[in-house]
């Protein structure tokens, strides 16, 4: 459900994350991600969903933070 919201409710989605393994990990660990990136971090809930659904997933976001 969260991934579908990310696909359709967070704006244009030029690159849909269709990696099933990444989606499964996101669904299983969404409470941890919500706390880490939204509550304790600087992302909005919509940006968090959009990052996973439309910008390559949270792995790409973490890699960009480390640079």
Protein backbone atom coordinates (compact mmCIF):
# COMPACT_ATOMS: atom_id res chain seq x y z
CA UNK A 1 0.00 0.00 0.00
CA UNK A 2 2.80 2.42 0.88
CA UNK A 3 4.57 1.76 -2.40
CA UNK A 4 1.37 2.44 -4.37
CA UNK A 5 0.91 5.73 -2.51
CA UNK A 6 4.50 6.59 -3.43
CA UNK A 7 3.85 5.81 -7.10
CA UNK A 8 0.67 7.84 -7.46
CA UNK A 9 0.34 10.45 -4.71
CA UNK A 10 3.78 12.05 -4.50
CA UNK A 11 4.11 13.71 -7.88
CA UNK A 12 5.63 12.71 -11.21
CA UNK A 13 7.43 9.40 -11.15
CA UNK A 14 10.03 9.26 -13.95
CA UNK A 15 11.75 6.11 -12.65
CA UNK A 16 9.47 3.62 -10.95
CA UNK A 17 11.22 1.31 -8.54
CA UNK A 18 10.06 -2.10 -9.73
CA UNK A 19 12.71 -4.12 -7.87
CA UNK A 20 10.61 -6.65 -5.94
CA UNK A 21 13.36 -7.36 -3.41
CA UNK A 22 13.71 -3.65 -2.61
CA UNK A 23 9.93 -3.34 -2.30
CA UNK A 24 9.77 -6.34 0.03
CA UNK A 25 12.48 -4.92 2.28
CA UNK A 26 10.69 -1.55 2.31
CA UNK A 27 7.38 -3.14 3.29
CA UNK A 28 8.96 -5.23 6.04
CA UNK A 29 11.04 -2.39 7.52
CA UNK A 30 8.83 0.65 6.94
CA UNK A 31 8.48 1.48 10.68
CA UNK A 32 12.27 1.70 11.02
CA UNK A 33 12.54 3.85 7.90
CA UNK A 34 9.74 6.12 9.06
CA UNK A 35 11.50 6.78 12.36
CA UNK A 36 14.96 7.13 10.78
CA UNK A 37 14.15 9.32 7.80
CA UNK A 38 10.96 11.17 8.77
CA UNK A 39 10.70 11.47 12.55
CA UNK A 40 14.42 11.66 13.42
CA UNK A 41 15.57 12.78 9.97
CA UNK A 42 14.79 15.67 7.68
CA UNK A 43 12.48 14.04 5.10
CA UNK A 44 8.77 14.64 4.84
CA UNK A 45 6.53 11.56 4.67
CA UNK A 46 5.79 12.26 0.99
CA UNK A 47 9.49 12.71 0.18
CA UNK A 48 10.26 9.42 1.95
CA UNK A 49 7.62 7.53 -0.06
CA UNK A 50 8.63 9.28 -3.29
CA UNK A 51 12.30 8.41 -2.73
CA UNK A 52 11.50 4.74 -2.49
CA UNK A 53 8.88 4.55 -5.24
CA UNK A 54 10.29 6.91 -7.84
CA UNK A 55 13.97 7.65 -7.24
CA UNK A 56 15.62 4.27 -6.98
CA UNK A 57 14.84 3.36 -3.40
CA UNK A 58 16.30 4.22 -0.05
CA UNK A 59 19.62 2.57 -0.89
CA UNK A 60 20.32 5.30 -3.42
CA UNK A 61 19.38 7.94 -0.86
CA UNK A 62 21.81 6.53 1.74
CA UNK A 63 24.58 6.34 -0.87
CA UNK A 64 24.03 10.01 -1.76
CA UNK A 65 24.24 10.97 1.93
CA UNK A 66 27.59 9.22 2.30
CA UNK A 67 29.20 11.17 -0.56
